[in-house]
N, C-alpha and C. Protein backbone atom coordinates (compact mmCIF):
# COMPACT_ATOMS: atom_id res chain seq x y z
N MET A 1 20.29 33.75 8.40
CA MET A 1 19.33 32.67 9.43
C MET A 1 18.21 32.66 9.54
N PRO A 2 17.25 31.46 9.35
CA PRO A 2 16.06 31.57 9.33
C PRO A 2 15.32 32.14 10.73
N PRO A 3 14.06 32.64 10.42
CA PRO A 3 13.48 32.91 11.43
C PRO A 3 13.28 31.90 12.56
N LYS A 4 13.25 32.12 13.85
CA LYS A 4 12.94 31.19 14.81
C LYS A 4 11.39 31.08 14.94
N ARG A 5 10.82 29.84 14.80
CA ARG A 5 9.37 29.38 15.13
C ARG A 5 9.21 29.14 16.51
N SER A 6 7.81 29.67 16.84
CA SER A 6 7.41 29.50 18.16
C SER A 6 7.29 27.90 18.02
N GLN A 7 7.33 27.18 19.38
CA GLN A 7 7.14 25.73 19.54
C GLN A 7 5.94 25.37 19.21
N ASN A 8 4.84 25.81 19.03
CA ASN A 8 3.46 25.44 18.44
C ASN A 8 3.24 25.60 17.22
N SER A 9 4.04 26.31 16.15
CA SER A 9 4.14 26.28 14.96
C SER A 9 4.86 25.29 14.06
N SER A 10 4.12 25.09 13.04
CA SER A 10 4.93 23.91 12.28
C SER A 10 4.78 24.21 10.93
N ALA A 11 5.71 23.71 10.21
CA ALA A 11 5.78 23.86 8.65
C ALA A 11 4.68 23.03 7.97
N PHE A 12 4.35 22.17 8.49
CA PHE A 12 3.22 20.88 7.89
C PHE A 12 1.89 20.99 8.64
N LYS A 13 1.15 20.67 7.92
CA LYS A 13 -0.51 20.57 8.55
C LYS A 13 -1.09 19.28 8.24
N LEU A 14 -1.58 18.80 9.23
CA LEU A 14 -2.44 17.45 9.52
C LEU A 14 -3.56 17.71 8.44
N THR A 15 -3.82 16.77 7.44
CA THR A 15 -5.15 17.05 6.62
C THR A 15 -6.20 16.07 6.75
N GLN A 16 -5.66 14.80 7.23
CA GLN A 16 -6.67 13.79 7.64
C GLN A 16 -5.93 12.69 8.42
N LEU A 17 -6.65 12.19 9.36
CA LEU A 17 -6.24 11.18 10.22
C LEU A 17 -7.12 9.97 10.09
N ILE A 18 -6.47 8.82 9.44
CA ILE A 18 -7.37 7.47 8.94
C ILE A 18 -7.38 6.69 10.13
N GLN A 19 -8.37 6.11 10.80
CA GLN A 19 -8.45 4.89 11.53
C GLN A 19 -9.30 3.93 11.01
N GLU A 20 -8.59 2.75 10.86
CA GLU A 20 -9.57 1.73 10.28
C GLU A 20 -10.41 1.04 11.28
N ASP A 21 -11.41 0.31 10.87
CA ASP A 21 -12.24 -0.28 11.99
C ASP A 21 -11.99 -1.66 12.40
N HIS A 22 -11.01 -2.26 11.91
CA HIS A 22 -10.40 -3.72 12.48
C HIS A 22 -10.01 -3.41 13.99
N GLY A 23 -9.62 -2.22 14.53
CA GLY A 23 -9.02 -2.10 15.73
C GLY A 23 -7.83 -2.84 16.04
N CYS A 24 -7.03 -3.05 14.99
CA CYS A 24 -5.62 -3.60 15.13
C CYS A 24 -4.53 -2.41 14.76
N PRO A 25 -3.41 -2.70 14.92
CA PRO A 25 -2.32 -1.71 14.31
C PRO A 25 -2.29 -1.87 13.03
N ILE A 26 -1.91 -0.71 12.50
CA ILE A 26 -1.68 -0.77 10.96
C ILE A 26 -0.14 -0.84 10.76
N TYR A 27 0.30 -1.89 9.98
CA TYR A 27 1.46 -2.20 9.98
C TYR A 27 2.56 -1.57 8.95
N ASN A 28 1.81 -1.06 8.00
CA ASN A 28 2.61 -0.65 6.78
C ASN A 28 1.62 0.26 5.97
N VAL A 29 2.34 1.36 5.42
CA VAL A 29 1.66 2.03 4.31
C VAL A 29 2.42 2.30 3.11
N GLN A 30 1.95 2.17 1.90
CA GLN A 30 2.97 2.17 0.90
C GLN A 30 1.97 3.24 -0.60
N PHE A 31 2.72 4.09 -0.84
CA PHE A 31 2.28 4.72 -2.04
C PHE A 31 2.37 3.84 -3.55
N ASN A 32 1.81 3.92 -4.35
CA ASN A 32 2.24 3.15 -5.59
C ASN A 32 3.12 4.08 -6.46
N THR A 33 4.42 3.64 -6.24
CA THR A 33 5.42 4.26 -6.93
C THR A 33 5.73 3.40 -8.43
N CYS A 34 5.18 2.43 -8.50
CA CYS A 34 5.36 1.32 -9.62
C CYS A 34 4.65 1.65 -10.99
N ASP A 35 3.48 2.39 -10.81
CA ASP A 35 2.36 2.82 -12.00
C ASP A 35 2.36 4.00 -11.93
N LEU A 36 2.66 4.91 -12.79
CA LEU A 36 2.52 6.37 -12.63
C LEU A 36 1.09 6.62 -13.01
N ARG A 37 0.19 5.63 -13.63
CA ARG A 37 -1.28 6.01 -13.87
C ARG A 37 -1.86 6.13 -12.65
N HIS A 38 -1.30 5.42 -11.74
CA HIS A 38 -2.04 5.01 -10.34
C HIS A 38 -1.21 5.78 -9.19
N SER A 39 -0.37 6.74 -9.22
CA SER A 39 0.52 6.97 -8.19
C SER A 39 -0.35 8.01 -7.33
N HIS A 40 -1.59 8.15 -7.36
CA HIS A 40 -2.45 8.85 -6.32
C HIS A 40 -3.15 7.78 -5.46
N LEU A 41 -2.65 6.46 -5.37
CA LEU A 41 -3.17 5.39 -4.71
C LEU A 41 -2.02 5.09 -3.55
N PHE A 42 -2.52 4.56 -2.75
CA PHE A 42 -1.79 4.01 -1.47
C PHE A 42 -2.39 2.84 -0.86
N ALA A 43 -1.64 1.98 0.00
CA ALA A 43 -2.31 1.03 0.48
C ALA A 43 -1.96 0.64 1.99
N THR A 44 -2.64 0.16 2.83
CA THR A 44 -2.26 -0.16 4.31
C THR A 44 -2.56 -1.41 4.30
N VAL A 45 -1.96 -1.97 5.68
CA VAL A 45 -2.17 -3.44 5.90
C VAL A 45 -2.09 -3.33 7.46
N GLY A 46 -2.96 -4.17 7.98
CA GLY A 46 -3.20 -4.42 9.15
C GLY A 46 -4.42 -5.39 9.45
N SER A 47 -4.23 -6.15 10.51
CA SER A 47 -5.10 -7.50 10.70
C SER A 47 -5.13 -8.28 9.65
N ASN A 48 -6.20 -8.84 9.19
CA ASN A 48 -6.11 -9.75 8.00
C ASN A 48 -6.69 -8.87 6.84
N ARG A 49 -6.30 -7.62 6.89
CA ARG A 49 -7.13 -6.78 5.79
C ARG A 49 -5.79 -6.00 5.04
N ALA A 50 -6.10 -5.72 3.64
CA ALA A 50 -5.40 -4.70 3.26
C ALA A 50 -6.23 -3.84 2.42
N THR A 51 -6.13 -2.32 2.47
CA THR A 51 -6.90 -1.53 1.93
C THR A 51 -6.45 -0.53 1.09
N VAL A 52 -6.99 -0.28 0.20
CA VAL A 52 -6.55 0.68 -1.06
C VAL A 52 -7.26 1.89 -0.93
N TYR A 53 -6.61 3.23 -0.87
CA TYR A 53 -7.15 4.60 -0.64
C TYR A 53 -6.84 5.30 -1.99
N GLU A 54 -7.29 6.20 -2.37
CA GLU A 54 -7.04 7.22 -3.39
C GLU A 54 -7.02 8.64 -2.63
N CYS A 55 -5.76 9.14 -3.18
CA CYS A 55 -5.63 10.82 -2.70
C CYS A 55 -6.44 11.67 -3.71
N LEU A 56 -7.28 12.31 -3.19
CA LEU A 56 -8.26 13.19 -3.78
C LEU A 56 -7.55 14.42 -4.22
N SER A 57 -7.87 15.08 -5.44
CA SER A 57 -7.33 16.54 -5.61
C SER A 57 -8.48 17.15 -5.33
N ASN A 58 -7.84 18.51 -5.28
CA ASN A 58 -8.55 19.80 -5.10
C ASN A 58 -9.95 19.72 -5.89
N ALA A 59 -9.94 19.26 -7.27
CA ALA A 59 -11.05 19.41 -8.05
C ALA A 59 -11.93 18.31 -7.51
N GLU A 60 -11.46 16.88 -7.35
CA GLU A 60 -12.32 15.93 -6.85
C GLU A 60 -13.22 16.25 -5.55
N TYR A 61 -12.29 16.78 -4.65
CA TYR A 61 -12.80 16.92 -3.29
C TYR A 61 -13.93 18.08 -3.40
N GLY A 62 -13.79 18.88 -4.32
CA GLY A 62 -14.61 20.20 -4.39
C GLY A 62 -14.31 21.18 -3.17
N SER A 63 -12.93 21.46 -2.98
CA SER A 63 -12.81 22.52 -2.01
C SER A 63 -12.84 23.75 -2.49
N GLY A 64 -13.25 24.30 -3.35
CA GLY A 64 -13.49 25.75 -3.96
C GLY A 64 -12.37 26.23 -4.63
N ILE A 65 -11.06 25.50 -4.41
CA ILE A 65 -9.94 26.01 -5.18
C ILE A 65 -10.21 25.75 -6.78
N ASP A 66 -9.43 26.40 -7.44
CA ASP A 66 -9.58 26.29 -9.08
C ASP A 66 -9.70 24.69 -9.38
N PRO A 67 -10.73 24.35 -10.18
CA PRO A 67 -11.12 23.06 -10.60
C PRO A 67 -9.80 22.68 -11.43
N LYS A 68 -9.18 23.45 -12.17
CA LYS A 68 -8.30 23.06 -13.23
C LYS A 68 -7.04 22.54 -12.48
N ARG A 69 -6.84 22.76 -11.09
CA ARG A 69 -5.60 22.50 -10.40
C ARG A 69 -5.88 21.20 -10.03
N GLN A 70 -4.75 20.11 -10.17
CA GLN A 70 -5.21 18.80 -9.69
C GLN A 70 -4.28 18.66 -8.66
N ASP A 71 -3.77 19.51 -7.64
CA ASP A 71 -3.01 19.52 -6.48
C ASP A 71 -3.82 18.47 -5.49
N PRO A 72 -2.83 17.83 -4.92
CA PRO A 72 -3.48 16.91 -3.88
C PRO A 72 -4.05 17.76 -2.85
N CYS A 73 -5.06 17.45 -2.14
CA CYS A 73 -5.74 18.30 -1.33
C CYS A 73 -5.69 17.66 0.46
N GLY A 74 -4.99 16.56 0.31
CA GLY A 74 -5.07 15.65 1.59
C GLY A 74 -6.25 15.04 2.13
N ASN A 75 -7.31 14.92 1.23
CA ASN A 75 -8.17 14.07 1.60
C ASN A 75 -8.31 12.72 0.63
N THR A 76 -8.62 11.55 1.34
CA THR A 76 -8.80 10.32 0.56
C THR A 76 -10.25 9.56 0.77
N ARG A 77 -10.20 8.69 -0.08
CA ARG A 77 -11.45 7.85 0.11
C ARG A 77 -11.03 6.34 -0.26
N VAL A 78 -11.72 5.26 0.20
CA VAL A 78 -11.45 3.94 0.00
C VAL A 78 -11.89 3.60 -1.05
N LEU A 79 -11.07 3.08 -1.90
CA LEU A 79 -11.41 2.41 -3.00
C LEU A 79 -11.82 0.87 -3.04
N GLN A 80 -11.00 0.31 -2.30
CA GLN A 80 -11.26 -1.24 -2.14
C GLN A 80 -10.72 -1.86 -0.74
N ALA A 81 -10.95 -2.97 -0.24
CA ALA A 81 -10.56 -3.75 0.73
C ALA A 81 -10.41 -5.33 0.44
N PHE A 82 -9.08 -5.83 0.72
CA PHE A 82 -9.13 -7.08 0.73
C PHE A 82 -9.26 -7.99 2.11
N PHE A 83 -10.03 -8.84 2.59
CA PHE A 83 -10.06 -9.46 3.43
C PHE A 83 -9.49 -10.70 3.33
N ASP A 84 -8.68 -11.71 4.00
CA ASP A 84 -8.18 -12.67 4.10
C ASP A 84 -9.40 -13.45 4.52
N GLU A 85 -9.33 -14.88 4.10
CA GLU A 85 -10.42 -15.80 4.87
C GLU A 85 -9.81 -16.15 6.10
N ASN A 86 -8.46 -16.48 6.27
CA ASN A 86 -7.80 -16.71 7.52
C ASN A 86 -7.89 -15.79 8.29
N ILE A 87 -8.91 -15.70 9.52
CA ILE A 87 -9.02 -14.62 10.38
C ILE A 87 -7.93 -14.34 11.27
N SER A 88 -7.00 -15.66 11.55
CA SER A 88 -5.73 -15.24 12.35
C SER A 88 -4.42 -14.60 11.60
N GLU A 89 -4.57 -14.33 10.18
CA GLU A 89 -3.59 -13.80 9.36
C GLU A 89 -3.41 -12.60 9.95
N SER A 90 -2.25 -11.81 9.99
CA SER A 90 -2.08 -10.45 10.21
C SER A 90 -0.96 -9.83 9.16
N PHE A 91 -1.55 -9.03 8.24
CA PHE A 91 -0.49 -8.73 7.34
C PHE A 91 0.32 -7.55 7.73
N PHE A 92 1.86 -7.54 7.56
CA PHE A 92 2.67 -6.67 8.07
C PHE A 92 3.41 -5.72 6.92
N SER A 93 3.31 -6.26 5.48
CA SER A 93 3.88 -5.57 4.56
C SER A 93 3.01 -5.67 3.32
N CYS A 94 3.23 -4.42 2.46
CA CYS A 94 2.47 -4.31 1.40
C CYS A 94 3.31 -3.56 0.24
N VAL A 95 3.29 -3.88 -1.01
CA VAL A 95 3.89 -3.14 -2.01
C VAL A 95 3.32 -3.24 -3.63
N PHE A 96 3.13 -2.36 -4.06
CA PHE A 96 2.45 -2.39 -5.27
C PHE A 96 3.30 -2.62 -6.59
N SER A 97 2.80 -3.37 -7.55
CA SER A 97 3.43 -3.73 -8.84
C SER A 97 2.30 -3.60 -9.84
N ILE A 98 2.73 -4.33 -11.09
CA ILE A 98 2.10 -4.24 -12.31
C ILE A 98 2.43 -5.54 -13.13
N ASP A 99 1.52 -6.02 -13.64
CA ASP A 99 1.69 -6.96 -14.60
C ASP A 99 2.04 -6.27 -15.90
N GLU A 100 3.28 -6.85 -16.25
CA GLU A 100 3.87 -6.26 -17.40
C GLU A 100 3.48 -6.49 -18.72
N GLU A 101 2.34 -7.44 -18.81
CA GLU A 101 1.98 -7.87 -20.06
C GLU A 101 0.71 -7.32 -20.23
N ASP A 102 -0.59 -6.94 -19.36
CA ASP A 102 -1.61 -6.38 -19.38
C ASP A 102 -1.79 -4.97 -18.82
N HIS A 103 -0.67 -4.74 -18.02
CA HIS A 103 -0.91 -3.54 -17.15
C HIS A 103 -1.71 -3.24 -15.84
N THR A 104 -2.26 -4.61 -15.55
CA THR A 104 -2.98 -4.55 -14.64
C THR A 104 -2.35 -4.22 -13.30
N PRO A 105 -3.03 -3.46 -12.21
CA PRO A 105 -2.21 -3.16 -11.03
C PRO A 105 -2.51 -4.28 -10.09
N LEU A 106 -1.30 -4.48 -9.39
CA LEU A 106 -1.24 -5.33 -8.27
C LEU A 106 -0.90 -4.90 -7.15
N LEU A 107 -1.15 -5.83 -5.97
CA LEU A 107 -0.59 -5.36 -4.56
C LEU A 107 -0.17 -6.75 -4.02
N ALA A 108 1.07 -6.56 -3.64
CA ALA A 108 1.63 -8.09 -3.13
C ALA A 108 1.43 -7.70 -1.47
N ILE A 109 1.03 -8.48 -0.71
CA ILE A 109 0.92 -8.56 0.72
C ILE A 109 1.34 -9.72 1.33
N ALA A 110 1.81 -9.42 2.70
CA ALA A 110 2.49 -10.84 3.27
C ALA A 110 2.36 -10.48 4.98
N GLY A 111 2.58 -11.33 5.73
CA GLY A 111 2.56 -11.26 7.11
C GLY A 111 2.69 -12.55 7.83
N LEU A 112 2.05 -12.51 9.09
CA LEU A 112 2.25 -13.65 9.89
C LEU A 112 2.24 -15.13 9.38
N THR A 113 1.64 -15.53 8.47
CA THR A 113 1.61 -16.93 7.86
C THR A 113 2.88 -17.09 7.06
N GLY A 114 3.35 -16.05 6.59
CA GLY A 114 4.52 -16.39 5.38
C GLY A 114 4.35 -16.38 4.36
N LEU A 115 3.03 -16.65 3.79
CA LEU A 115 2.55 -16.41 2.53
C LEU A 115 2.61 -15.04 1.91
N ILE A 116 3.02 -14.99 0.64
CA ILE A 116 2.74 -13.71 -0.11
C ILE A 116 1.71 -13.85 -1.04
N LYS A 117 0.84 -13.08 -0.88
CA LYS A 117 -0.42 -13.17 -1.53
C LYS A 117 -0.39 -11.73 -2.78
N ILE A 118 -0.91 -12.19 -4.00
CA ILE A 118 -0.70 -11.15 -5.04
C ILE A 118 -2.30 -10.85 -5.36
N ILE A 119 -2.71 -9.70 -5.17
CA ILE A 119 -4.04 -9.10 -5.36
C ILE A 119 -3.81 -8.51 -6.68
N ASP A 120 -4.75 -8.95 -7.54
CA ASP A 120 -5.20 -8.11 -8.83
C ASP A 120 -6.39 -6.96 -8.40
N LEU A 121 -5.80 -5.68 -8.50
CA LEU A 121 -6.58 -4.75 -8.06
C LEU A 121 -8.00 -4.35 -9.17
N SER A 122 -7.65 -4.70 -10.18
CA SER A 122 -8.79 -4.60 -11.14
C SER A 122 -9.98 -5.28 -11.01
N ILE A 123 -9.62 -6.49 -10.07
CA ILE A 123 -10.84 -7.53 -9.83
C ILE A 123 -11.04 -7.59 -8.45
N GLY A 124 -10.04 -7.13 -7.66
CA GLY A 124 -10.35 -7.29 -6.09
C GLY A 124 -10.17 -8.36 -5.65
N ARG A 125 -9.39 -9.57 -6.23
CA ARG A 125 -9.05 -11.10 -5.73
C ARG A 125 -7.67 -11.20 -5.90
N MET A 126 -7.17 -12.05 -4.80
CA MET A 126 -6.02 -13.04 -5.00
C MET A 126 -5.93 -13.79 -6.38
N VAL A 127 -4.83 -13.62 -6.98
CA VAL A 127 -4.70 -14.31 -8.13
C VAL A 127 -3.41 -15.21 -8.10
N LYS A 128 -2.60 -15.10 -6.99
CA LYS A 128 -1.23 -15.82 -6.88
C LYS A 128 -0.92 -15.77 -5.32
N ALA A 129 -0.24 -16.90 -5.03
CA ALA A 129 0.36 -17.06 -3.69
C ALA A 129 1.65 -17.62 -3.84
N LEU A 130 2.58 -16.92 -3.07
CA LEU A 130 4.12 -17.48 -3.22
C LEU A 130 4.31 -18.28 -1.71
N TYR A 131 4.67 -19.57 -2.03
CA TYR A 131 4.83 -20.20 -0.88
C TYR A 131 6.17 -20.38 -0.74
N GLY A 132 6.95 -20.53 0.64
CA GLY A 132 8.16 -20.68 0.70
C GLY A 132 8.91 -20.22 2.06
N HIS A 133 8.54 -19.26 2.63
CA HIS A 133 9.09 -18.72 3.90
C HIS A 133 8.51 -19.86 4.97
N GLY A 134 9.42 -20.01 6.05
CA GLY A 134 8.75 -20.92 7.05
C GLY A 134 8.48 -19.92 8.49
N ASN A 135 8.45 -18.76 8.37
CA ASN A 135 7.96 -17.78 9.24
C ASN A 135 7.37 -16.76 8.81
N SER A 136 6.82 -15.45 9.44
CA SER A 136 6.38 -14.47 9.25
C SER A 136 7.21 -13.72 8.26
N VAL A 137 6.52 -13.07 7.29
CA VAL A 137 7.15 -11.97 6.18
C VAL A 137 7.09 -10.68 6.75
N ASN A 138 8.09 -9.99 7.10
CA ASN A 138 8.09 -8.55 7.56
C ASN A 138 8.42 -7.47 6.56
N ASP A 139 8.80 -7.94 5.44
CA ASP A 139 9.04 -6.70 4.40
C ASP A 139 8.96 -7.26 2.98
N LEU A 140 8.26 -6.53 2.20
CA LEU A 140 8.05 -6.83 0.88
C LEU A 140 8.86 -5.43 -0.35
N LYS A 141 9.65 -5.71 -1.18
CA LYS A 141 10.12 -4.57 -2.28
C LYS A 141 9.97 -5.34 -3.36
N ILE A 142 9.81 -4.47 -4.59
CA ILE A 142 9.38 -4.45 -5.67
C ILE A 142 10.95 -4.05 -6.57
N HIS A 143 11.54 -4.63 -7.59
CA HIS A 143 12.50 -4.12 -8.23
C HIS A 143 11.98 -2.77 -8.93
N PRO A 144 12.75 -1.50 -9.02
CA PRO A 144 12.47 -0.63 -9.68
C PRO A 144 12.31 -0.44 -11.10
N GLN A 145 12.85 -1.41 -11.73
CA GLN A 145 12.88 -1.60 -13.29
C GLN A 145 11.97 -2.85 -13.82
N TYR A 146 11.90 -3.84 -13.00
CA TYR A 146 11.13 -5.04 -13.19
C TYR A 146 10.16 -5.52 -12.13
N PRO A 147 9.03 -4.96 -12.46
CA PRO A 147 8.06 -5.16 -11.36
C PRO A 147 7.59 -6.57 -11.04
N CYS A 148 7.96 -7.44 -12.06
CA CYS A 148 7.79 -8.94 -11.61
C CYS A 148 8.48 -9.49 -10.67
N LEU A 149 9.60 -8.78 -10.13
CA LEU A 149 10.68 -9.28 -9.18
C LEU A 149 10.40 -8.82 -7.98
N VAL A 150 10.08 -9.67 -6.89
CA VAL A 150 9.69 -9.26 -5.39
C VAL A 150 10.73 -9.81 -4.56
N LEU A 151 11.15 -8.83 -3.52
CA LEU A 151 12.04 -9.14 -2.73
C LEU A 151 11.25 -9.50 -1.32
N SER A 152 11.42 -10.57 -0.77
CA SER A 152 10.94 -10.72 0.76
C SER A 152 11.90 -10.84 1.85
N ALA A 153 11.43 -10.40 3.07
CA ALA A 153 12.34 -10.51 4.16
C ALA A 153 11.41 -11.03 5.36
N SER A 154 12.20 -12.38 5.96
CA SER A 154 11.29 -12.96 6.71
C SER A 154 11.97 -13.28 8.07
N LYS A 155 11.02 -13.42 9.19
CA LYS A 155 11.53 -13.98 10.35
C LYS A 155 12.36 -15.21 10.40
N ASP A 156 12.15 -15.95 9.30
CA ASP A 156 12.90 -17.40 9.18
C ASP A 156 14.44 -16.87 8.86
N GLU A 157 14.77 -15.61 8.96
CA GLU A 157 16.07 -15.35 8.72
C GLU A 157 16.62 -15.49 7.33
N SER A 158 15.49 -15.15 6.29
CA SER A 158 15.87 -15.33 4.82
C SER A 158 15.31 -14.06 4.23
N VAL A 159 16.03 -13.88 3.05
CA VAL A 159 15.48 -12.74 2.03
C VAL A 159 15.30 -13.76 0.75
N ARG A 160 14.42 -13.65 0.16
CA ARG A 160 13.99 -14.42 -1.28
C ARG A 160 13.69 -13.46 -2.20
N LEU A 161 14.09 -13.85 -3.40
CA LEU A 161 13.79 -13.03 -4.70
C LEU A 161 12.82 -14.03 -5.25
N TRP A 162 11.60 -13.46 -5.64
CA TRP A 162 10.58 -14.16 -6.38
C TRP A 162 10.46 -13.59 -7.70
N ASN A 163 10.03 -14.28 -8.80
CA ASN A 163 9.48 -13.76 -10.01
C ASN A 163 7.86 -13.96 -10.05
N MET A 164 7.19 -13.21 -9.94
CA MET A 164 5.72 -13.46 -10.36
C MET A 164 5.18 -13.81 -11.66
N LYS A 165 5.87 -13.96 -12.41
CA LYS A 165 5.59 -14.35 -13.95
C LYS A 165 5.31 -15.70 -13.92
């Protein structure tokens, strides 16, 4: 039988609290599970903004721990932010992908307007918009073997499969 813990003890430790400056709810957060080269990145969406963060290793953060170790230390930094020109947009979902031809990291974002926007993270700009939903897009998923395929779930009561090629 495992030892009993007091009510105040926890096996987990909060290492950082992130509050974005837009003053709106953050609806989604996703690690990059699509591209192992960038698995230390995660993105958030809220308001008309998508923000990409990097999880820092102990060596990058300068925590005094052996610099040869690349363990995550629980600290982050902002790499880039995408602001939609439509200030009434509110993004609800995001998911990482990758261009299969040139291995460019991509971020798909969607929300209130029903448009799915594809951001090329190497240049920080939208490169494609997927039109078709008649209402808000609430969720996005990338196919685990074919990152050009995106599923979207919408308030218009439909699920759509998109090919980004």
